[in-house]
PDB file of N, CA and C in Angstrom:
ATOM      1  N   MET A   1      -7.831  16.255 -18.492  1.00  0.00           N
ATOM      2  CA  MET A   1      -6.946  15.525 -17.615  1.00  0.00           C
ATOM      3  C   MET A   1      -7.695  14.319 -17.045  1.00  0.00           C
ATOM      4  N   LYS A   2      -7.025  13.176 -17.044  1.00  0.00           N
ATOM      5  CA  LYS A   2      -7.618  11.931 -16.570  1.00  0.00           C
ATOM      6  C   LYS A   2      -7.567  11.883 -15.046  1.00  0.00           C
ATOM      7  N   LYS A   3      -8.687  11.572 -14.429  1.00  0.00           N
ATOM      8  CA  LYS A   3      -8.760  11.489 -12.971  1.00  0.00           C
ATOM      9  C   LYS A   3      -8.271  10.117 -12.520  1.00  0.00           C
ATOM     10  N   ARG A   4      -7.445  10.126 -11.461  1.00  0.00           N
ATOM     11  CA  ARG A   4      -6.917   8.856 -10.938  1.00  0.00           C
ATOM     12  C   ARG A   4      -7.955   8.136 -10.095  1.00  0.00           C
ATOM     13  N   GLU A   5      -7.826   6.834 -10.126  1.00  0.00           N
ATOM     14  CA  GLU A   5      -8.674   6.000  -9.307  1.00  0.00           C
ATOM     15  C   GLU A   5      -8.272   6.155  -7.842  1.00  0.00           C
ATOM     16  N   ARG A   6      -9.244   6.234  -6.964  1.00  0.00           N
ATOM     17  CA  ARG A   6      -8.957   6.342  -5.530  1.00  0.00           C
ATOM     18  C   ARG A   6      -8.387   5.015  -5.043  1.00  0.00           C
ATOM     19  N   THR A   7      -7.554   5.106  -4.001  1.00  0.00           N
ATOM     20  CA  THR A   7      -6.949   3.900  -3.461  1.00  0.00           C
ATOM     21  C   THR A   7      -6.825   4.015  -1.948  1.00  0.00           C
ATOM     22  N   THR A   8      -6.797   2.876  -1.296  1.00  0.00           N
ATOM     23  CA  THR A   8      -6.514   2.827   0.144  1.00  0.00           C
ATOM     24  C   THR A   8      -5.184   2.122   0.385  1.00  0.00           C
ATOM     25  N   ASP A   9      -4.493   1.769  -0.697  1.00  0.00           N
ATOM     26  CA  ASP A   9      -3.194   1.096  -0.622  1.00  0.00           C
ATOM     27  C   ASP A   9      -2.147   2.103  -0.132  1.00  0.00           C
ATOM     28  N   ALA A  10      -1.615   1.868   1.056  1.00  0.00           N
ATOM     29  CA  ALA A  10      -0.679   2.809   1.677  1.00  0.00           C
ATOM     30  C   ALA A  10       0.559   3.034   0.823  1.00  0.00           C
ATOM     31  N   ILE A  11       1.081   1.979   0.231  1.00  0.00           N
ATOM     32  CA  ILE A  11       2.267   2.114  -0.614  1.00  0.00           C
ATOM     33  C   ILE A  11       1.964   2.997  -1.818  1.00  0.00           C
ATOM     34  N   GLU A  12       0.824   2.782  -2.426  1.00  0.00           N
ATOM     35  CA  GLU A  12       0.430   3.582  -3.582  1.00  0.00           C
ATOM     36  C   GLU A  12       0.233   5.039  -3.185  1.00  0.00           C
ATOM     37  N   ILE A  13      -0.374   5.287  -2.048  1.00  0.00           N
ATOM     38  CA  ILE A  13      -0.580   6.658  -1.572  1.00  0.00           C
ATOM     39  C   ILE A  13       0.766   7.344  -1.352  1.00  0.00           C
ATOM     40  N   LEU A  14       1.696   6.650  -0.697  1.00  0.00           N
ATOM     41  CA  LEU A  14       3.025   7.226  -0.472  1.00  0.00           C
ATOM     42  C   LEU A  14       3.756   7.485  -1.785  1.00  0.00           C
ATOM     43  N   HIS A  15       3.646   6.549  -2.704  1.00  0.00           N
ATOM     44  CA  HIS A  15       4.283   6.745  -4.013  1.00  0.00           C
ATOM     45  C   HIS A  15       3.729   7.997  -4.684  1.00  0.00           C
ATOM     46  N   ARG A  16       2.418   8.116  -4.710  1.00  0.00           N
ATOM     47  CA  ARG A  16       1.806   9.284  -5.355  1.00  0.00           C
ATOM     48  C   ARG A  16       2.244  10.587  -4.683  1.00  0.00           C
ATOM     49  N   ARG A  17       2.274  10.563  -3.365  1.00  0.00           N
ATOM     50  CA  ARG A  17       2.573  11.781  -2.621  1.00  0.00           C
ATOM     51  C   ARG A  17       4.041  12.200  -2.723  1.00  0.00           C
ATOM     52  N   TYR A  18       4.953  11.240  -2.668  1.00  0.00           N
ATOM     53  CA  TYR A  18       6.364  11.588  -2.554  1.00  0.00           C
ATOM     54  C   TYR A  18       7.236  11.277  -3.773  1.00  0.00           C
ATOM     55  N   TYR A  19       6.786  10.418  -4.672  1.00  0.00           N
ATOM     56  CA  TYR A  19       7.656   9.986  -5.763  1.00  0.00           C
ATOM     57  C   TYR A  19       7.125  10.278  -7.161  1.00  0.00           C
ATOM     58  N   GLU A  20       5.843  10.232  -7.345  1.00  0.00           N
ATOM     59  CA  GLU A  20       5.269  10.419  -8.676  1.00  0.00           C
ATOM     60  C   GLU A  20       5.645  11.786  -9.238  1.00  0.00           C
ATOM     61  N   GLY A  21       6.215  11.770 -10.434  1.00  0.00           N
ATOM     62  CA  GLY A  21       6.607  13.017 -11.082  1.00  0.00           C
ATOM     63  C   GLY A  21       7.880  13.635 -10.534  1.00  0.00           C
ATOM     64  N   ARG A  22       8.606  12.889  -9.708  1.00  0.00           N
ATOM     65  CA  ARG A  22       9.857  13.377  -9.127  1.00  0.00           C
ATOM     66  C   ARG A  22      10.959  12.348  -9.391  1.00  0.00           C
ATOM     67  N   PRO A  23      11.533  12.370 -10.576  1.00  0.00           N
ATOM     68  CA  PRO A  23      12.514  11.337 -10.949  1.00  0.00           C
ATOM     69  C   PRO A  23      13.725  11.278 -10.029  1.00  0.00           C
ATOM     70  N   GLU A  24      14.144  12.405  -9.455  1.00  0.00           N
ATOM     71  CA  GLU A  24      15.298  12.382  -8.557  1.00  0.00           C
ATOM     72  C   GLU A  24      14.982  11.597  -7.277  1.00  0.00           C
ATOM     73  N   ARG A  25      13.763  11.696  -6.804  1.00  0.00           N
ATOM     74  CA  ARG A  25      13.371  10.910  -5.628  1.00  0.00           C
ATOM     75  C   ARG A  25      13.252   9.429  -5.973  1.00  0.00           C
ATOM     76  N   GLN A  26      12.730   9.144  -7.158  1.00  0.00           N
ATOM     77  CA  GLN A  26      12.615   7.744  -7.583  1.00  0.00           C
ATOM     78  C   GLN A  26      13.995   7.117  -7.698  1.00  0.00           C
ATOM     79  N   GLU A  27      14.953   7.862  -8.246  1.00  0.00           N
ATOM     80  CA  GLU A  27      16.321   7.357  -8.372  1.00  0.00           C
ATOM     81  C   GLU A  27      16.923   7.087  -6.995  1.00  0.00           C
ATOM     82  N   SER A  28      16.675   7.986  -6.056  1.00  0.00           N
ATOM     83  CA  SER A  28      17.167   7.806  -4.689  1.00  0.00           C
ATOM     84  C   SER A  28      16.561   6.543  -4.070  1.00  0.00           C
ATOM     85  N   LEU A  29      15.287   6.335  -4.291  1.00  0.00           N
ATOM     86  CA  LEU A  29      14.617   5.137  -3.787  1.00  0.00           C
ATOM     87  C   LEU A  29      15.232   3.884  -4.399  1.00  0.00           C
ATOM     88  N   ASN A  30      15.517   3.919  -5.690  1.00  0.00           N
ATOM     89  CA  ASN A  30      16.131   2.772  -6.357  1.00  0.00           C
ATOM     90  C   ASN A  30      17.506   2.470  -5.781  1.00  0.00           C
ATOM     91  N   GLU A  31      18.283   3.509  -5.472  1.00  0.00           N
ATOM     92  CA  GLU A  31      19.597   3.312  -4.858  1.00  0.00           C
ATOM     93  C   GLU A  31      19.467   2.673  -3.480  1.00  0.00           C
ATOM     94  N   GLU A  32      18.503   3.138  -2.697  1.00  0.00           N
ATOM     95  CA  GLU A  32      18.290   2.567  -1.363  1.00  0.00           C
ATOM     96  C   GLU A  32      17.873   1.102  -1.456  1.00  0.00           C
ATOM     97  N   ARG A  33      17.060   0.789  -2.453  1.00  0.00           N
ATOM     98  CA  ARG A  33      16.657  -0.607  -2.646  1.00  0.00           C
ATOM     99  C   ARG A  33      17.869  -1.476  -2.993  1.00  0.00           C
ATOM    100  N   ALA A  34      18.763  -0.947  -3.818  1.00  0.00           N
ATOM    101  CA  ALA A  34      19.974  -1.690  -4.183  1.00  0.00           C
ATOM    102  C   ALA A  34      20.849  -1.914  -2.958  1.00  0.00           C
ATOM    103  N   ASN A  35      21.032  -0.882  -2.125  1.00  0.00           N
ATOM    104  CA  ASN A  35      21.815  -1.032  -0.896  1.00  0.00           C
ATOM    105  C   ASN A  35      21.200  -2.088   0.017  1.00  0.00           C
ATOM    106  N   MET A  36      19.879  -2.058   0.131  1.00  0.00           N
ATOM    107  CA  MET A  36      19.188  -3.027   0.970  1.00  0.00           C
ATOM    108  C   MET A  36      19.377  -4.446   0.421  1.00  0.00           C
ATOM    109  N   GLU A  37      19.309  -4.586  -0.885  1.00  0.00           N
ATOM    110  CA  GLU A  37      19.459  -5.904  -1.508  1.00  0.00           C
ATOM    111  C   GLU A  37      20.860  -6.476  -1.269  1.00  0.00           C
ATOM    112  N   ILE A  38      21.878  -5.637  -1.383  1.00  0.00           N
ATOM    113  CA  ILE A  38      23.246  -6.089  -1.133  1.00  0.00           C
ATOM    114  C   ILE A  38      23.410  -6.508   0.322  1.00  0.00           C
ATOM    115  N   ALA A  39      22.918  -5.662   1.228  1.00  0.00           N
ATOM    116  CA  ALA A  39      23.019  -5.967   2.652  1.00  0.00           C
ATOM    117  C   ALA A  39      22.328  -7.291   2.987  1.00  0.00           C
ATOM    118  N   ARG A  40      21.152  -7.478   2.442  1.00  0.00           N
ATOM    119  CA  ARG A  40      20.382  -8.704   2.704  1.00  0.00           C
ATOM    120  C   ARG A  40      21.107  -9.930   2.140  1.00  0.00           C
ATOM    121  N   LYS A  41      21.702  -9.787   0.963  1.00  0.00           N
ATOM    122  CA  LYS A  41      22.405 -10.902   0.336  1.00  0.00           C
ATOM    123  C   LYS A  41      23.623 -11.308   1.156  1.00  0.00           C
ATOM    124  N   VAL A  42      24.401 -10.335   1.620  1.00  0.00           N
ATOM    125  CA  VAL A  42      25.568 -10.649   2.446  1.00  0.00           C
ATOM    126  C   VAL A  42      25.125 -11.356   3.722  1.00  0.00           C
ATOM    127  N   TYR A  43      24.101 -10.829   4.362  1.00  0.00           N
ATOM    128  CA  TYR A  43      23.570 -11.433   5.587  1.00  0.00           C
ATOM    129  C   TYR A  43      23.096 -12.868   5.330  1.00  0.00           C
ATOM    130  N   ASP A  44      22.281 -13.050   4.294  1.00  0.00           N
ATOM    131  CA  ASP A  44      21.739 -14.378   3.994  1.00  0.00           C
ATOM    132  C   ASP A  44      22.842 -15.389   3.683  1.00  0.00           C
ATOM    133  N   LEU A  45      23.839 -14.981   2.903  1.00  0.00           N
ATOM    134  CA  LEU A  45      24.940 -15.887   2.572  1.00  0.00           C
ATOM    135  C   LEU A  45      25.735 -16.275   3.817  1.00  0.00           C
ATOM    136  N   ARG A  46      25.979 -15.290   4.681  1.00  0.00           N
ATOM    137  CA  ARG A  46      26.723 -15.567   5.918  1.00  0.00           C
ATOM    138  C   ARG A  46      25.946 -16.527   6.815  1.00  0.00           C
ATOM    139  N   LYS A  47      24.654 -16.267   6.983  1.00  0.00           N
ATOM    140  CA  LYS A  47      23.824 -17.130   7.833  1.00  0.00           C
ATOM    141  C   LYS A  47      23.733 -18.543   7.253  1.00  0.00           C
ATOM    142  N   LYS A  48      23.574 -18.639   5.941  1.00  0.00           N
ATOM    143  CA  LYS A  48      23.481 -19.953   5.287  1.00  0.00           C
ATOM    144  C   LYS A  48      24.766 -20.749   5.490  1.00  0.00           C
ATOM    145  N   ALA A  49      25.895 -20.045   5.542  1.00  0.00           N
ATOM    146  CA  ALA A  49      27.182 -20.700   5.778  1.00  0.00           C
ATOM    147  C   ALA A  49      27.389 -21.032   7.255  1.00  0.00           C
ATOM    148  N   GLY A  50      26.474 -20.555   8.106  1.00  0.00           N
ATOM    149  CA  GLY A  50      26.567 -20.845   9.540  1.00  0.00           C
ATOM    150  C   GLY A  50      27.686 -20.078  10.234  1.00  0.00           C
ATOM    151  N   LEU A  51      27.982 -18.896   9.737  1.00  0.00           N
ATOM    152  CA  LEU A  51      29.086 -18.110  10.282  1.00  0.00           C
ATOM    153  C   LEU A  51      28.577 -16.901  11.060  1.00  0.00           C
ATOM    154  N   THR A  52      29.340 -16.520  12.071  1.00  0.00           N
ATOM    155  CA  THR A  52      29.087 -15.256  12.747  1.00  0.00           C
ATOM    156  C   THR A  52      29.763 -14.155  11.938  1.00  0.00           C
ATOM    157  N   GLN A  53      29.480 -12.927  12.276  1.00  0.00           N
ATOM    158  CA  GLN A  53      30.156 -11.820  11.605  1.00  0.00           C
ATOM    159  C   GLN A  53      31.659 -11.892  11.858  1.00  0.00           C
ATOM    160  N   GLN A  54      32.043 -12.256  13.063  1.00  0.00           N
ATOM    161  CA  GLN A  54      33.462 -12.368  13.397  1.00  0.00           C
ATOM    162  C   GLN A  54      34.137 -13.456  12.559  1.00  0.00           C
ATOM    163  N   GLU A  55      33.484 -14.602  12.421  1.00  0.00           N
ATOM    164  CA  GLU A  55      34.059 -15.700  11.646  1.00  0.00           C
ATOM    165  C   GLU A  55      34.213 -15.323  10.171  1.00  0.00           C
ATOM    166  N   LEU A  56      33.205 -14.674   9.609  1.00  0.00           N
ATOM    167  CA  LEU A  56      33.309 -14.243   8.216  1.00  0.00           C
ATOM    168  C   LEU A  56      34.416 -13.203   8.074  1.00  0.00           C
ATOM    169  N   ALA A  57      34.491 -12.283   9.017  1.00  0.00           N
ATOM    170  CA  ALA A  57      35.531 -11.253   8.984  1.00  0.00           C
ATOM    171  C   ALA A  57      36.919 -11.881   8.973  1.00  0.00           C
ATOM    172  N   GLU A  58      37.119 -12.895   9.781  1.00  0.00           N
ATOM    173  CA  GLU A  58      38.421 -13.566   9.823  1.00  0.00           C
ATOM    174  C   GLU A  58      38.741 -14.222   8.478  1.00  0.00           C
ATOM    175  N   ARG A  59      37.745 -14.830   7.855  1.00  0.00           N
ATOM    176  CA  ARG A  59      37.965 -15.456   6.544  1.00  0.00           C
ATOM    177  C   ARG A  59      38.286 -14.425   5.467  1.00  0.00           C
ATOM    178  N   VAL A  60      37.679 -13.244   5.596  1.00  0.00           N
ATOM    179  CA  VAL A  60      37.857 -12.192   4.594  1.00  0.00           C
ATOM    180  C   VAL A  60      39.122 -11.381   4.859  1.00  0.00           C
ATOM    181  N   GLY A  61      39.571 -11.387   6.109  1.00  0.00           N
ATOM    182  CA  GLY A  61      40.740 -10.595   6.475  1.00  0.00           C
ATOM    183  C   GLY A  61      40.376  -9.171   6.866  1.00  0.00           C
ATOM    184  N   THR A  62      39.268  -9.035   7.559  1.00  0.00           N
ATOM    185  CA  THR A  62      38.810  -7.721   8.005  1.00  0.00           C
ATOM    186  C   THR A  62      38.267  -7.837   9.420  1.00  0.00           C
ATOM    187  N   LYS A  63      37.555  -6.833   9.873  1.00  0.00           N
ATOM    188  CA  LYS A  63      36.988  -6.814  11.224  1.00  0.00           C
ATOM    189  C   LYS A  63      35.489  -7.077  11.159  1.00  0.00           C
ATOM    190  N   ALA A  64      34.955  -7.577  12.270  1.00  0.00           N
ATOM    191  CA  ALA A  64      33.521  -7.858  12.353  1.00  0.00           C
ATOM    192  C   ALA A  64      32.702  -6.590  12.130  1.00  0.00           C
ATOM    193  N   SER A  65      33.221  -5.443  12.527  1.00  0.00           N
ATOM    194  CA  SER A  65      32.488  -4.190  12.343  1.00  0.00           C
ATOM    195  C   SER A  65      32.292  -3.869  10.856  1.00  0.00           C
ATOM    196  N   VAL A  66      33.243  -4.287  10.030  1.00  0.00           N
ATOM    197  CA  VAL A  66      33.108  -4.079   8.580  1.00  0.00           C
ATOM    198  C   VAL A  66      31.973  -4.939   8.041  1.00  0.00           C
ATOM    199  N   ILE A  67      31.919  -6.189   8.478  1.00  0.00           N
ATOM    200  CA  ILE A  67      30.838  -7.087   8.049  1.00  0.00           C
ATOM    201  C   ILE A  67      29.498  -6.535   8.529  1.00  0.00           C
ATOM    202  N   SER A  68      29.465  -6.048   9.750  1.00  0.00           N
ATOM    203  CA  SER A  68      28.241  -5.461  10.301  1.00  0.00           C
ATOM    204  C   SER A  68      27.767  -4.290   9.443  1.00  0.00           C
ATOM    205  N   ARG A  69      28.677  -3.411   9.050  1.00  0.00           N
ATOM    206  CA  ARG A  69      28.315  -2.277   8.191  1.00  0.00           C
ATOM    207  C   ARG A  69      27.782  -2.755   6.845  1.00  0.00           C
ATOM    208  N   LEU A  70      28.424  -3.770   6.275  1.00  0.00           N
ATOM    209  CA  LEU A  70      27.987  -4.285   4.975  1.00  0.00           C
ATOM    210  C   LEU A  70      26.584  -4.887   5.041  1.00  0.00           C
ATOM    211  N   GLU A  71      26.212  -5.391   6.203  1.00  0.00           N
ATOM    212  CA  GLU A  71      24.888  -5.982   6.385  1.00  0.00           C
ATOM    213  C   GLU A  71      23.834  -4.955   6.785  1.00  0.00           C
ATOM    214  N   ASP A  72      24.219  -3.698   6.886  1.00  0.00           N
ATOM    215  CA  ASP A  72      23.306  -2.615   7.243  1.00  0.00           C
ATOM    216  C   ASP A  72      22.699  -2.044   5.959  1.00  0.00           C
ATOM    217  N   ALA A  73      21.377  -2.062   5.859  1.00  0.00           N
ATOM    218  CA  ALA A  73      20.704  -1.596   4.648  1.00  0.00           C
ATOM    219  C   ALA A  73      20.954  -0.119   4.353  1.00  0.00           C
ATOM    220  N   ASP A  74      21.368   0.649   5.352  1.00  0.00           N
ATOM    221  CA  ASP A  74      21.629   2.078   5.148  1.00  0.00           C
ATOM    222  C   ASP A  74      23.053   2.356   4.682  1.00  0.00           C
ATOM    223  N   TYR A  75      23.894   1.337   4.639  1.00  0.00           N
ATOM    224  CA  TYR A  75      25.291   1.527   4.246  1.00  0.00           C
ATOM    225  C   TYR A  75      25.393   1.748   2.744  1.00  0.00           C
ATOM    226  N   GLU A  76      26.175   2.743   2.332  1.00  0.00           N
ATOM    227  CA  GLU A  76      26.291   3.085   0.919  1.00  0.00           C
ATOM    228  C   GLU A  76      27.698   2.883   0.369  1.00  0.00           C
ATOM    229  N   GLY A  77      28.612   2.313   1.149  1.00  0.00           N
ATOM    230  CA  GLY A  77      30.000   2.226   0.725  1.00  0.00           C
ATOM    231  C   GLY A  77      30.444   0.868   0.222  1.00  0.00           C
ATOM    232  N   HIS A  78      29.532   0.089  -0.340  1.00  0.00           N
ATOM    233  CA  HIS A  78      29.905  -1.227  -0.845  1.00  0.00           C
ATOM    234  C   HIS A  78      30.952  -1.094  -1.941  1.00  0.00           C
ATOM    235  N   SER A  79      31.998  -1.878  -1.822  1.00  0.00           N
ATOM    236  CA  SER A  79      32.991  -1.894  -2.895  1.00  0.00           C
ATOM    237  C   SER A  79      32.969  -3.268  -3.549  1.00  0.00           C
ATOM    238  N   LEU A  80      33.213  -3.271  -4.826  1.00  0.00           N
ATOM    239  CA  LEU A  80      33.223  -4.526  -5.566  1.00  0.00           C
ATOM    240  C   LEU A  80      34.322  -5.440  -5.040  1.00  0.00           C
ATOM    241  N   SER A  81      35.467  -4.876  -4.687  1.00  0.00           N
ATOM    242  CA  SER A  81      36.573  -5.714  -4.194  1.00  0.00           C
ATOM    243  C   SER A  81      36.199  -6.398  -2.882  1.00  0.00           C
ATOM    244  N   MET A  82      35.512  -5.689  -1.983  1.00  0.00           N
ATOM    245  CA  MET A  82      35.108  -6.311  -0.716  1.00  0.00           C
ATOM    246  C   MET A  82      34.043  -7.369  -0.963  1.00  0.00           C
ATOM    247  N   LEU A  83      33.110  -7.101  -1.844  1.00  0.00           N
ATOM    248  CA  LEU A  83      32.086  -8.105  -2.151  1.00  0.00           C
ATOM    249  C   LEU A  83      32.717  -9.351  -2.765  1.00  0.00           C
ATOM    250  N   ARG A  84      33.738  -9.162  -3.588  1.00  0.00           N
ATOM    251  CA  ARG A  84      34.452 -10.315  -4.154  1.00  0.00           C
ATOM    252  C   ARG A  84      35.156 -11.108  -3.060  1.00  0.00           C
ATOM    253  N   ARG A  85      35.779 -10.415  -2.131  1.00  0.00           N
ATOM    254  CA  ARG A  85      36.461 -11.106  -1.023  1.00  0.00           C
ATOM    255  C   ARG A  85      35.477 -11.915  -0.193  1.00  0.00           C
ATOM    256  N   ILE A  86      34.317 -11.354   0.060  1.00  0.00           N
ATOM    257  CA  ILE A  86      33.282 -12.081   0.804  1.00  0.00           C
ATOM    258  C   ILE A  86      32.827 -13.282  -0.005  1.00  0.00           C
ATOM    259  N   GLY A  87      32.605 -13.078  -1.291  1.00  0.00           N
ATOM    260  CA  GLY A  87      32.198 -14.189  -2.152  1.00  0.00           C
ATOM    261  C   GLY A  87      33.208 -15.313  -2.123  1.00  0.00           C
ATOM    262  N   GLU A  88      34.487 -14.982  -2.256  1.00  0.00           N
ATOM    263  CA  GLU A  88      35.538 -16.004  -2.229  1.00  0.00           C
ATOM    264  C   GLU A  88      35.546 -16.741  -0.896  1.00  0.00           C
ATOM    265  N   ALA A  89      35.359 -16.005   0.198  1.00  0.00           N
ATOM    266  CA  ALA A  89      35.350 -16.631   1.520  1.00  0.00           C
ATOM    267  C   ALA A  89      34.181 -17.593   1.691  1.00  0.00           C
ATOM    268  N   LEU A  90      33.124 -17.370   0.935  1.00  0.00           N
ATOM    269  CA  LEU A  90      31.929 -18.207   1.040  1.00  0.00           C
ATOM    270  C   LEU A  90      31.774 -19.156  -0.140  1.00  0.00           C
ATOM    271  N   GLY A  91      32.804 -19.238  -0.980  1.00  0.00           N
ATOM    272  CA  GLY A  91      32.739 -20.134  -2.132  1.00  0.00           C
ATOM    273  C   GLY A  91      31.774 -19.660  -3.204  1.00  0.00           C
ATOM    274  N   LYS A  92      31.631 -18.363  -3.330  1.00  0.00           N
ATOM    275  CA  LYS A  92      30.726 -17.769  -4.315  1.00  0.00           C
ATOM    276  C   LYS A  92      31.500 -16.784  -5.176  1.00  0.00           C
ATOM    277  N   LYS A  93      30.887 -16.365  -6.280  1.00  0.00           N
ATOM    278  CA  LYS A  93      31.469 -15.297  -7.082  1.00  0.00           C
ATOM    279  C   LYS A  93      30.425 -14.220  -7.263  1.00  0.00           C
ATOM    280  N   VAL A  94      30.900 -13.025  -7.464  1.00  0.00           N
ATOM    281  CA  VAL A  94      30.013 -11.885  -7.677  1.00  0.00           C
ATOM    282  C   VAL A  94      29.749 -11.771  -9.167  1.00  0.00           C
ATOM    283  N   GLU A  95      28.498 -11.575  -9.526  1.00  0.00           N
ATOM    284  CA  GLU A  95      28.120 -11.333 -10.913  1.00  0.00           C
ATOM    285  C   GLU A  95      27.465  -9.969 -11.003  1.00  0.00           C
ATOM    286  N   ILE A  96      27.780  -9.252 -12.051  1.00  0.00           N
ATOM    287  CA  ILE A  96      27.153  -7.961 -12.292  1.00  0.00           C
ATOM    288  C   ILE A  96      26.398  -8.068 -13.597  1.00  0.00           C
ATOM    289  N   ARG A  97      25.160  -7.632 -13.572  1.00  0.00           N
ATOM    290  CA  ARG A  97      24.333  -7.695 -14.771  1.00  0.00           C
ATOM    291  C   ARG A  97      23.767  -6.317 -15.059  1.00  0.00           C
ATOM    292  N   PHE A  98      23.625  -6.012 -16.331  1.00  0.00           N
ATOM    293  CA  PHE A  98      22.900  -4.832 -16.754  1.00  0.00           C
ATOM    294  C   PHE A  98      21.578  -5.326 -17.308  1.00  0.00           C
ATOM    295  N   VAL A  99      20.490  -4.830 -16.758  1.00  0.00           N
ATOM    296  CA  VAL A  99      19.165  -5.260 -17.189  1.00  0.00           C
ATOM    297  C   VAL A  99      18.377  -4.048 -17.676  1.00  0.00           C
ATOM    298  N   SER A 100      17.419  -4.309 -18.527  1.00  0.00           N
ATOM    299  CA  SER A 100      16.567  -3.233 -19.045  1.00  0.00           C
ATOM    300  C   SER A 100      15.767  -2.629 -17.906  1.00  0.00           C
ATOM    301  N   ILE A 101      15.581  -1.335 -17.991  1.00  0.00           N
ATOM    302  CA  ILE A 101      14.733  -0.660 -17.013  1.00  0.00           C
ATOM    303  C   ILE A 101      13.313  -0.769 -17.538  1.00  0.00           C
ATOM    304  N   GLU A 102      12.517  -1.490 -16.795  1.00  0.00           N
ATOM    305  CA  GLU A 102      11.124  -1.675 -17.178  1.00  0.00           C
ATOM    306  C   GLU A 102      10.264  -0.791 -16.308  1.00  0.00           C
ATOM    307  N   LYS A 103       9.163  -0.413 -16.839  1.00  0.00           N
ATOM    308  CA  LYS A 103       8.215   0.374 -16.063  1.00  0.00           C
ATOM    309  C   LYS A 103       6.943  -0.442 -15.914  1.00  0.00           C
ATOM    310  N   ASP A 104       6.400  -0.390 -14.699  1.00  0.00           N
ATOM    311  CA  ASP A 104       5.143  -1.090 -14.499  1.00  0.00           C
ATOM    312  C   ASP A 104       4.007  -0.237 -15.055  1.00  0.00           C
ATOM    313  N   LYS A 105       2.804  -0.706 -14.917  1.00  0.00           N
ATOM    314  CA  LYS A 105       1.674  -0.030 -15.545  1.00  0.00           C
ATOM    315  C   LYS A 105       1.424   1.381 -15.014  1.00  0.00           C
ATOM    316  N   LYS A 106       2.031   1.735 -13.877  1.00  0.00           N
ATOM    317  CA  LYS A 106       1.845   3.071 -13.324  1.00  0.00           C
ATOM    318  C   LYS A 106       3.033   3.965 -13.640  1.00  0.00           C
ATOM    319  N   GLY A 107       3.985   3.465 -14.460  1.00  0.00           N
ATOM    320  CA  GLY A 107       5.094   4.288 -14.888  1.00  0.00           C
ATOM    321  C   GLY A 107       6.260   4.326 -13.933  1.00  0.00           C
ATOM    322  N   ARG A 108       6.252   3.475 -12.917  1.00  0.00           N
ATOM    323  CA  ARG A 108       7.361   3.448 -11.964  1.00  0.00           C
ATOM    324  C   ARG A 108       8.405   2.466 -12.442  1.00  0.00           C
ATOM    325  N   GLY A 109       9.674   2.812 -12.252  1.00  0.00           N
ATOM    326  CA  GLY A 109      10.747   1.876 -12.559  1.00  0.00           C
ATOM    327  C   GLY A 109      10.764   0.750 -11.562  1.00  0.00           C
ATOM    328  N   ARG A 110      11.107  -0.442 -12.027  1.00  0.00           N
ATOM    329  CA  ARG A 110      11.166  -1.607 -11.117  1.00  0.00           C
ATOM    330  C   ARG A 110      12.577  -1.867 -10.716  1.00  0.00           C
TER     331      ARG A 110
END
């Protein structure tokens, strides 16, 4: 058995301890990253447009609390139809891509 190199990298230590060899945990982490990415994108687009959550909500035809939830990285209920409505309100369109799952040199999915 090959001995691993020691590390002081906190992220690497956490990965080894909680994710390495546990594909179900890695998948959960990937889902959380996707939720965070969507939330960040909605927030960034709204801020770039110079809108408050209330103003964006009015353009989309919803409530500010809905926009707030969509901008929360822990929210898991993103719907494609709502993302499209937000995109239209901001002069954008939603694109969905399927990309190859690549693994970095340590075998983790990116």
